[in-house]
Structure formats: structure tokens, C-alpha cells
Protein backbone atom coordinates (compact mmCIF):
# COMPACT_ATOMS: atom_id res chain seq x y z
CA MET A 1 -38.58 -0.67 -1.01
CA GLY A 2 -37.18 2.26 1.00
CA ASN A 3 -33.64 3.52 0.78
CA ILE A 4 -31.19 1.19 2.53
CA SER A 5 -28.68 2.91 4.81
CA PHE A 6 -25.01 2.18 4.18
CA LYS A 7 -23.80 4.31 7.08
CA HIS A 8 -22.20 1.41 8.93
CA PHE A 9 -19.87 0.58 6.00
CA THR A 10 -16.97 2.50 7.53
CA LEU A 11 -13.44 2.02 6.19
CA GLY A 12 -10.03 1.37 7.65
CA VAL A 13 -6.99 1.11 5.37
CA GLU A 14 -3.63 -0.42 6.32
CA GLU A 15 -0.57 -0.25 4.06
CA GLU A 16 2.93 -1.70 4.38
CA TYR A 17 5.80 0.34 2.94
CA MET A 18 9.38 -0.58 2.14
CA VAL A 19 12.26 1.44 3.59
CA ILE A 20 15.06 1.96 1.08
CA ASP A 21 18.69 3.06 1.12
CA PRO A 22 18.82 5.88 -1.48
CA THR A 23 22.39 4.97 -2.46
CA THR A 24 22.07 1.24 -3.10
CA ARG A 25 18.24 1.15 -3.52
CA GLU A 26 18.32 -1.94 -1.26
CA LEU A 27 15.92 -2.45 1.60
CA LYS A 28 17.35 -0.97 4.78
CA SER A 29 16.55 -1.25 8.48
CA HIS A 30 15.36 2.09 9.81
CA GLU A 31 16.02 0.83 13.38
CA GLN A 32 12.44 1.86 14.21
CA LYS A 33 13.40 5.53 13.87
CA ILE A 34 10.59 6.15 11.35
CA VAL A 35 8.11 4.61 13.79
CA THR A 36 9.49 6.58 16.77
CA GLU A 37 9.39 9.89 14.87
CA GLY A 38 6.09 9.03 13.21
CA GLN A 39 4.36 8.36 16.51
CA LYS A 40 5.13 11.94 17.59
CA VAL A 41 3.04 13.17 14.64
CA ILE A 42 0.48 10.47 13.79
CA LYS A 43 0.43 8.53 17.11
CA ASP A 44 -0.44 4.85 16.81
CA LYS A 45 -1.22 5.10 13.09
CA VAL A 46 2.34 3.94 12.39
CA LYS A 47 3.73 0.60 13.60
CA ALA A 48 6.78 -1.59 13.31
CA GLU A 49 6.49 -4.79 11.32
CA MET A 50 8.33 -8.10 11.61
CA HIS A 51 11.13 -7.05 9.26
CA GLN A 52 12.93 -3.84 10.18
CA ALA A 53 12.80 -2.57 6.59
CA VAL A 54 8.98 -2.47 6.71
CA VAL A 55 6.75 0.28 8.09
CA GLU A 56 3.03 -0.31 8.57
CA VAL A 57 0.48 2.49 8.68
CA GLY A 58 -3.24 2.44 9.35
CA THR A 59 -5.93 5.08 8.98
CA ASP A 60 -8.52 6.04 11.56
CA ILE A 61 -12.00 4.57 11.13
CA CYS A 62 -13.20 6.58 8.14
CA GLU A 63 -16.88 7.37 7.56
CA ASN A 64 -16.46 7.40 3.79
CA ILE A 65 -13.95 7.06 0.98
CA GLU A 66 -13.17 10.79 0.97
CA GLU A 67 -11.98 10.58 4.59
CA ALA A 68 -9.96 7.48 3.71
CA TYR A 69 -8.31 9.33 0.82
CA LYS A 70 -7.28 12.24 3.05
CA ASP A 71 -5.98 9.89 5.73
CA VAL A 72 -3.93 7.68 3.37
CA SER A 73 -2.54 10.79 1.69
CA VAL A 74 -1.45 12.30 5.01
CA LEU A 75 0.10 9.00 6.10
CA ARG A 76 2.10 8.62 2.89
CA HIS A 77 3.31 12.23 2.95
CA THR A 78 4.19 12.04 6.66
CA ILE A 79 6.15 8.79 6.38
CA SER A 80 7.88 10.00 3.23
CA LYS A 81 9.02 13.21 4.93
CA ILE A 82 10.21 11.47 8.10
CA ALA A 83 12.13 8.93 6.03
CA GLY A 84 13.64 11.74 3.94
CA ASP A 85 14.77 13.59 7.08
CA LEU A 86 16.51 10.39 8.19
CA GLY A 87 18.24 10.05 4.82
CA LEU A 88 15.98 7.21 3.67
CA TRP A 89 13.39 6.56 0.95
CA VAL A 90 10.07 4.78 1.06
CA GLY A 91 8.12 2.97 -1.66
CA ALA A 92 5.06 0.79 -2.16
CA ALA A 93 5.22 -2.51 -4.05
CA GLY A 94 4.31 -6.07 -3.07
CA THR A 95 7.96 -7.16 -3.14
CA HIS A 96 11.28 -5.35 -3.44
CA PRO A 97 12.69 -5.98 -6.95
CA PHE A 98 16.12 -7.25 -5.84
CA SER A 99 16.78 -7.18 -2.08
CA HIS A 100 17.34 -10.56 -0.43
CA TRP A 101 15.44 -11.45 2.73
CA GLU A 102 18.43 -13.27 4.24
CA SER A 103 20.17 -9.98 4.93
CA GLN A 104 17.17 -8.28 6.54
CA LEU A 105 16.89 -7.81 10.30
CA ILE A 106 13.89 -8.99 12.33
CA THR A 107 12.27 -6.51 14.74
CA ASP A 108 13.04 -7.30 18.37
CA HIS A 109 9.57 -8.04 19.73
CA ALA A 110 8.13 -11.05 21.58
CA ARG A 111 5.31 -11.53 19.03
CA TYR A 112 7.71 -11.65 16.08
CA ALA A 113 10.18 -13.89 17.95
CA ASP A 114 7.26 -16.24 18.53
CA ILE A 115 6.24 -16.30 14.87
CA VAL A 116 9.82 -16.83 13.67
CA ASN A 117 10.33 -19.57 16.25
CA GLU A 118 7.23 -21.38 15.03
CA LEU A 119 7.37 -20.74 11.28
CA GLN A 120 11.15 -20.55 10.91
CA GLU A 121 12.33 -19.90 7.32
CA ALA A 122 8.76 -19.27 6.13
CA ALA A 123 8.56 -16.29 8.51
CA ARG A 124 12.06 -14.98 7.90
CA SER A 125 11.54 -15.02 4.13
CA ASN A 126 8.14 -13.33 4.33
CA LEU A 127 9.49 -9.98 3.14
CA ILE A 128 6.34 -8.74 1.43
CA PHE A 129 4.12 -5.68 1.46
CA GLY A 130 0.33 -5.80 1.46
CA LEU A 131 -2.81 -3.70 1.64
CA HIS A 132 -5.56 -4.52 4.14
CA VAL A 133 -8.99 -2.91 3.87
CA HIS A 134 -11.44 -3.17 6.79
CA VAL A 135 -15.11 -2.56 6.02
CA GLY A 136 -17.49 -1.95 8.95
CA MET A 137 -20.55 -4.16 9.39
CA GLU A 138 -23.84 -3.87 11.28
CA THR A 139 -23.21 -7.13 13.14
CA ARG A 140 -20.77 -10.02 13.04
CA GLU A 141 -23.66 -12.19 11.77
CA MET A 142 -23.98 -9.89 8.75
CA ALA A 143 -20.18 -9.82 8.43
CA ILE A 144 -19.93 -13.59 7.94
CA HIS A 145 -22.78 -13.54 5.40
CA ILE A 146 -21.07 -10.81 3.37
CA ALA A 147 -17.63 -12.42 3.70
CA ASN A 148 -18.99 -15.72 2.36
CA SER A 149 -20.29 -14.04 -0.80
CA ALA A 150 -17.46 -11.52 -1.22
CA ARG A 151 -14.93 -14.35 -1.55
CA TYR A 152 -15.97 -14.77 -5.19
CA PHE A 153 -14.73 -11.27 -6.08
CA LEU A 154 -11.35 -11.50 -4.34
CA PRO A 155 -9.42 -12.60 -7.47
CA HIS A 156 -10.94 -9.76 -9.53
CA VAL A 157 -9.70 -7.07 -7.15
CA TYR A 158 -6.42 -8.88 -6.52
CA ALA A 159 -5.73 -8.85 -10.29
CA LEU A 160 -6.07 -5.04 -10.23
CA SER A 161 -3.65 -4.75 -7.30
CA THR A 162 -0.86 -6.92 -8.72
CA ASN A 163 2.40 -5.11 -8.00
CA SER A 164 5.18 -7.66 -7.38
CA PRO A 165 6.66 -9.14 -10.58
CA PHE A 166 10.23 -9.37 -9.22
CA TRP A 167 11.73 -11.37 -6.36
CA GLU A 168 15.38 -11.30 -5.26
CA GLY A 169 16.57 -9.85 -8.55
CA ARG A 170 14.66 -12.26 -10.76
CA LEU A 171 11.75 -11.81 -13.14
CA THR A 172 9.27 -14.27 -11.61
CA GLY A 173 6.80 -14.52 -14.52
CA TYR A 174 4.03 -13.60 -12.06
CA LYS A 175 2.28 -10.25 -11.85
CA SER A 176 2.03 -10.85 -8.08
CA PHE A 177 4.75 -13.03 -6.60
CA ARG A 178 3.98 -11.68 -3.12
CA THR A 179 1.18 -14.19 -2.63
CA LYS A 180 3.48 -17.06 -3.65
CA VAL A 181 5.85 -16.01 -0.86
CA PHE A 182 3.00 -15.76 1.64
CA ASP A 183 1.55 -19.15 0.67
CA LYS A 184 4.28 -20.76 2.81
CA PHE A 185 2.38 -19.63 5.91
CA PRO A 186 -0.38 -21.80 7.35
CA ARG A 187 -4.00 -20.62 7.24
CA THR A 188 -3.60 -18.47 4.12
CA GLY A 189 -5.47 -18.16 0.83
CA ILE A 190 -9.20 -18.03 0.14
CA PRO A 191 -11.20 -19.14 3.22
CA ASP A 192 -13.94 -21.73 3.25
CA HIS A 193 -17.56 -20.66 3.46
CA PHE A 194 -18.99 -20.71 7.02
CA GLU A 195 -22.57 -21.63 7.89
CA SER A 196 -22.83 -18.97 10.61
CA ILE A 197 -20.78 -16.72 12.86
CA GLU A 198 -20.98 -19.46 15.50
CA ASP A 199 -19.46 -21.90 13.01
CA TYR A 200 -16.58 -19.48 12.45
CA ASP A 201 -16.09 -18.74 16.16
CA ASN A 202 -16.14 -22.45 16.99
CA TYR A 203 -13.44 -23.05 14.40
CA ILE A 204 -11.24 -20.41 16.04
CA LYS A 205 -11.96 -21.83 19.52
CA LEU A 206 -10.94 -25.30 18.33
CA LEU A 207 -7.64 -24.01 16.93
CA VAL A 208 -6.88 -22.14 20.17
CA LYS A 209 -7.90 -25.14 22.32
CA THR A 210 -5.63 -27.49 20.37
CA ASN A 211 -2.65 -25.07 20.42
CA CYS A 212 -2.67 -24.51 16.66
CA ILE A 213 -2.87 -20.77 17.35
CA ASP A 214 -2.84 -18.64 20.49
CA ASN A 215 -5.14 -15.98 19.03
CA ALA A 216 -7.33 -15.39 15.98
CA LYS A 217 -4.83 -12.92 14.48
CA LYS A 218 -2.84 -15.95 13.32
CA ILE A 219 -5.50 -16.68 10.74
CA TRP A 220 -3.97 -15.06 7.68
CA TRP A 221 -6.65 -15.67 5.06
CA ASP A 222 -7.26 -13.34 2.10
CA LEU A 223 -10.49 -12.30 3.79
CA ARG A 224 -11.54 -12.67 7.39
CA VAL A 225 -14.21 -11.52 9.76
CA HIS A 226 -12.37 -9.67 12.50
CA PRO A 227 -12.28 -11.72 15.72
CA PHE A 228 -13.39 -8.77 17.89
CA PHE A 229 -14.85 -6.01 15.74
CA ASN A 230 -17.81 -5.92 13.36
CA THR A 231 -15.61 -5.71 10.29
CA VAL A 232 -14.70 -7.73 7.26
CA GLU A 233 -11.00 -7.48 6.50
CA PHE A 234 -9.79 -7.86 2.90
CA ARG A 235 -6.17 -8.98 2.90
CA ILE A 236 -5.50 -10.37 -0.59
CA CYS A 237 -4.01 -7.31 -2.32
CA ASP A 238 -0.43 -6.25 -2.97
CA VAL A 239 0.17 -2.77 -1.60
CA PRO A 240 -0.59 -0.48 -4.57
CA MET A 241 2.07 1.86 -5.91
CA THR A 242 -0.02 5.04 -5.67
CA ILE A 243 -2.58 6.63 -3.36
CA ASP A 244 -5.26 6.69 -6.06
CA GLU A 245 -4.90 2.95 -6.65
CA THR A 246 -5.20 2.18 -2.94
CA ILE A 247 -8.33 4.30 -2.66
CA ALA A 248 -9.92 2.78 -5.76
CA ILE A 249 -9.40 -0.71 -4.35
CA ALA A 250 -10.73 0.28 -0.91
CA ALA A 251 -13.80 1.84 -2.56
CA LEU A 252 -14.37 -1.29 -4.62
CA PHE A 253 -14.26 -3.55 -1.55
CA GLN A 254 -16.67 -1.23 0.28
CA ALA A 255 -19.03 -1.21 -2.73
CA ILE A 256 -18.99 -5.02 -2.97
CA CYS A 257 -20.00 -5.23 0.70
CA ALA A 258 -22.76 -2.64 0.27
CA LYS A 259 -24.14 -4.38 -2.82
CA LEU A 260 -24.20 -7.80 -1.11
CA TYR A 261 -25.92 -6.18 1.88
CA LYS A 262 -28.50 -4.57 -0.39
CA LEU A 263 -29.25 -7.93 -2.01
CA ARG A 264 -29.63 -9.51 1.42
CA MET A 265 -32.05 -6.75 2.48
CA GLN A 266 -34.12 -7.61 -0.60
CA ASN A 267 -34.10 -11.32 0.32
CA LEU A 268 -31.74 -12.05 -2.56
CA ASN A 269 -28.51 -13.94 -2.24
CA PHE A 270 -25.38 -14.00 -4.36
CA MET A 271 -24.28 -17.44 -5.54
CA MET A 272 -21.96 -19.28 -3.16
CA TYR A 273 -18.88 -20.83 -4.74
CA HIS A 274 -16.46 -23.41 -3.41
CA ARG A 275 -13.02 -22.34 -2.29
CA ARG A 276 -11.50 -24.82 -4.75
CA LEU A 277 -13.02 -22.89 -7.68
CA ILE A 278 -12.19 -19.41 -6.40
CA MET A 279 -8.57 -20.54 -5.85
CA GLU A 280 -8.32 -21.27 -9.60
CA ASN A 281 -9.17 -17.64 -10.34
CA LYS A 282 -6.80 -16.41 -7.63
CA TRP A 283 -3.94 -18.34 -9.25
CA ARG A 284 -4.71 -16.82 -12.65
CA ALA A 285 -4.95 -13.32 -11.17
CA GLY A 286 -1.54 -13.66 -9.51
CA ARG A 287 0.08 -15.08 -12.62
CA TYR A 288 -1.41 -12.82 -15.31
CA GLY A 289 -2.90 -9.81 -13.47
CA ILE A 290 -5.50 -8.11 -15.68
CA ASP A 291 -3.97 -9.54 -18.87
CA GLY A 292 -5.26 -13.09 -18.53
CA THR A 293 -8.59 -14.83 -18.32
CA MET A 294 -10.54 -16.03 -15.32
CA ILE A 295 -13.36 -18.50 -15.07
CA ASP A 296 -16.97 -17.36 -15.10
CA PHE A 297 -18.38 -20.20 -13.03
CA GLY A 298 -21.97 -19.41 -13.99
CA LYS A 299 -21.18 -19.78 -17.70
CA GLU A 300 -18.49 -22.42 -17.07
CA SER A 301 -16.15 -20.68 -19.47
CA GLU A 302 -13.01 -18.56 -19.54
CA VAL A 303 -13.56 -14.82 -19.81
CA ASN A 304 -11.09 -11.98 -20.29
CA THR A 305 -10.20 -10.66 -16.82
CA ARG A 306 -10.78 -7.05 -17.85
CA VAL A 307 -14.31 -7.97 -18.95
CA LEU A 308 -14.99 -9.58 -15.57
CA ILE A 309 -13.75 -6.45 -13.79
CA TYR A 310 -16.04 -4.30 -15.93
CA GLU A 311 -18.89 -6.66 -15.00
CA LEU A 312 -17.98 -6.19 -11.33
CA LEU A 313 -18.17 -2.39 -11.81
CA ASP A 314 -21.65 -2.84 -13.32
CA PHE A 315 -22.63 -5.10 -10.41
CA VAL A 316 -21.83 -2.42 -7.79
CA ASP A 317 -22.92 0.56 -9.88
CA ASP A 318 -26.22 1.08 -8.04
CA VAL A 319 -24.57 1.57 -4.62
CA VAL A 320 -21.54 3.77 -5.33
CA ASP A 321 -23.38 7.10 -5.47
CA GLN A 322 -25.00 6.48 -2.11
CA LEU A 323 -21.59 5.56 -0.70
CA GLY A 324 -20.13 8.76 -2.19
CA SER A 325 -17.42 6.78 -3.97
CA ARG A 326 -18.25 7.29 -7.64
CA SER A 327 -14.96 8.94 -8.63
CA ALA A 328 -12.85 6.51 -6.55
CA VAL A 329 -14.54 3.49 -8.15
CA ASN A 330 -14.34 5.11 -11.59
CA TYR A 331 -10.56 5.23 -11.15
CA VAL A 332 -10.58 1.46 -11.71
CA ASN A 333 -11.11 2.28 -15.41
CA ARG A 334 -7.87 4.28 -15.34
CA MET A 335 -6.08 1.36 -13.67
CA ILE A 336 -7.21 -0.94 -16.45
CA GLU A 337 -6.01 1.56 -19.10
CA ASN A 338 -2.66 2.36 -17.42
CA GLY A 339 -1.87 -1.18 -16.32
CA THR A 340 -1.34 -2.42 -12.79
CA GLY A 341 1.74 -1.61 -10.72
CA ALA A 342 3.26 -4.85 -12.00
CA ASP A 343 2.63 -3.87 -15.61
CA ARG A 344 4.30 -0.51 -15.06
CA GLN A 345 7.29 -2.04 -13.24
CA LEU A 346 7.74 -4.46 -16.14
CA ALA A 347 7.51 -1.62 -18.69
CA VAL A 348 10.32 0.27 -16.91
CA TYR A 349 12.42 -2.90 -16.76
CA ASN A 350 11.84 -3.73 -20.43
CA GLU A 351 12.90 -0.22 -21.39
CA THR A 352 15.96 0.09 -19.10
CA LYS A 353 16.90 -3.55 -18.26
CA SER A 354 17.68 -2.12 -14.82
CA LEU A 355 16.07 -3.13 -11.52
CA VAL A 356 17.56 -0.01 -9.95
CA SER A 357 15.46 2.01 -12.43
CA VAL A 358 12.42 -0.04 -11.40
CA MET A 359 13.11 0.81 -7.75
CA ASP A 360 13.49 4.49 -8.63
CA TYR A 361 10.13 4.35 -10.40
CA ILE A 362 8.47 2.76 -7.35
CA HIS A 363 9.92 5.46 -5.11
CA ASP A 364 8.95 8.27 -7.50
CA SER A 365 5.35 6.95 -7.66
CA PHE A 366 4.82 6.87 -3.88
CA LEU A 367 3.22 10.34 -3.67
CA ARG A 368 2.18 10.65 -7.32
CA VAL A 369 -1.39 11.79 -8.01
């Protein structure tokens, strides 16, 4: 059959960064100064988050992974410079190694006041840093089809992104403790499979009608079809330590979508798995990162997680050249060799027995190429 166009698989990348006091290495409120200064340079690509020690950035809609790389790079360099000028540091990890959420200030904004009022301690303690990747779709109908199938691969990519082994000064035993913190929120985790976009929209309407939520943004799943735009939003990952890791993960999510679309265009479907099974793999990914095993549901057996990631790379191999993302996806091999952010944090800690050294390493890696 003819060449399938992947032009509509645009990318948007959002990252959450921690703001750090260079003296104590603790999280520190920047009193929205980074956002105020940032908006003079990068406009609405920088935003406040619920906790004042968090800065969120988002790229433009990028036509391809190369544009996304340039955009993320500019955002990281810009925020780093602005923070430096204000006498602050920034870093990227799913959790801060030792700061305590109790001492962190909440941003003064009606939306955050609302969330804290409703979710109480769960919201106040939600001091975590994630990566969200939006992939453009032809239609919302296609978006729900791709989201249903892409759920299976969420644990594989999440394992690669694991970057939060510490929480409040303790070694958690998890490669990603961030998700454990976030699990306290309602409407989180792997979503169910939906029969159609109408099925999904009706679910949202029901929640709004019954005052469970006031808008669809309060659905915090690991993957969601955007309520207004033709995009699938991947939300499962810890924010990666480096630019290259972020771009590799974004490229992998885009390639998964393109491959599932290609199969659909050839009247082929990827197997649909129950949430209850995918959640087993998610748990393993968060606990062991790339060092454990996950379940191959087809074979009904445990398989080394690295092997499953290599199989995923094989699965998407026939679309990455057309997407122009070969080198970004290839970087996944480097990530497997070098270890995830969590693995590298743990290596620094094992060598130095110092969480301050771990924080220094996170900060030093922020612009590393």
C-alpha cells in the first residue's frame, strides 16, 4: 500500500523543574520571579505550578522531534539562566531527594486553592515533577483508538524515565517514588479502555454532571485524550534528568502512536489488554526501573524489562525514519547502557552517602548533553 503520512503526529513537551537554594540544596520558593522574568523572554511557555518551588515549561506545537529538541533546549537554558540571575538553581528529577513538602508554599491561585481544599493533604504533599508529551492526532476518534492500544506500552517507557528513588531524605526502594506520591489523587494510573470517543466524552460529562469534577483537566490518568484538542497526552513519566532523555522519550511516544496508526491503516489492530494487567507492569516499572522483569502477556511469562524495551524499539523501527526521529529513538540504547536517572542518582549516593551530592549531580545534569 502507499506511503502513510505521519504529518499530523505533532509534538508538545511539558516539563516540571525544581527550584533550589544553592546554599542548602533545599527546594525554595522563587515567589514566581522565574515565571515573571521568563514570560518576558518565552511568553506563556513558562507557568507557575501548585507548589512555589516548581516551574512548569511547555514547548510550542512542534512539527517533528528536531523542533522539540531545540525548543526543550532553549527552555532549559532560559530557565536555568533566569534562576541563576536570581541566585537560584534548577534541576530535573521526579522528586527532590530530601526536601519536605510540609515546608513548601502553595501558589496563590484560585485553581490551586480549589484543589487543595478538595484534596487536602494529598494535594499539599504532591511535590513531584513530571514529563507530559502531547502527540497530535488526525481526529479525536483516532486519538481514542491509539490511546487504547498505547496503554500497553506505558510501563515500558515509564521504566526508562524512572528518576525519583528518594523521598524526604529516605531511600524509598523504588526507582520511581513519584508515582506512589501521585497515587493519592483520584482518577490516576492506567485508564480503562474506551469503546469510542463518545464513550469517553460521556464518562467526562457524567463526572461533571455529578460534581465529581468541574472540568476534564481533573482527570489525571497516565494517558488521556485531550478534552478539547486532537491529541493524546502521555503523563506517566518522571521528568528526565537531561534534555536527551526527554527527547528520546518524546520520540518513543510519537513512534508508538505512528506505528499503531500504521497498523490501523492496514486494518490491523494491536492486542487490547485489561487495565488490571497493565497496572502489574506499571508497579514493576516503578519499583525496579529497567533492572526488573515485566510480564509479556502474550507469552504469559516474565521477561527482562530491557528485553521488552528492545522489542518495543523493534516494533516501532519501521516508522522512525519517516518521522525523522532515528537518532532520538536510538538514544534509548544509551539510556539502557547508562542507567536511568534513578540508577545514576543511586550510584552517586552509594559512592558519597550524601544526598547533597545527589542534588548537586541533578543540578549539574540539567543542561548536560
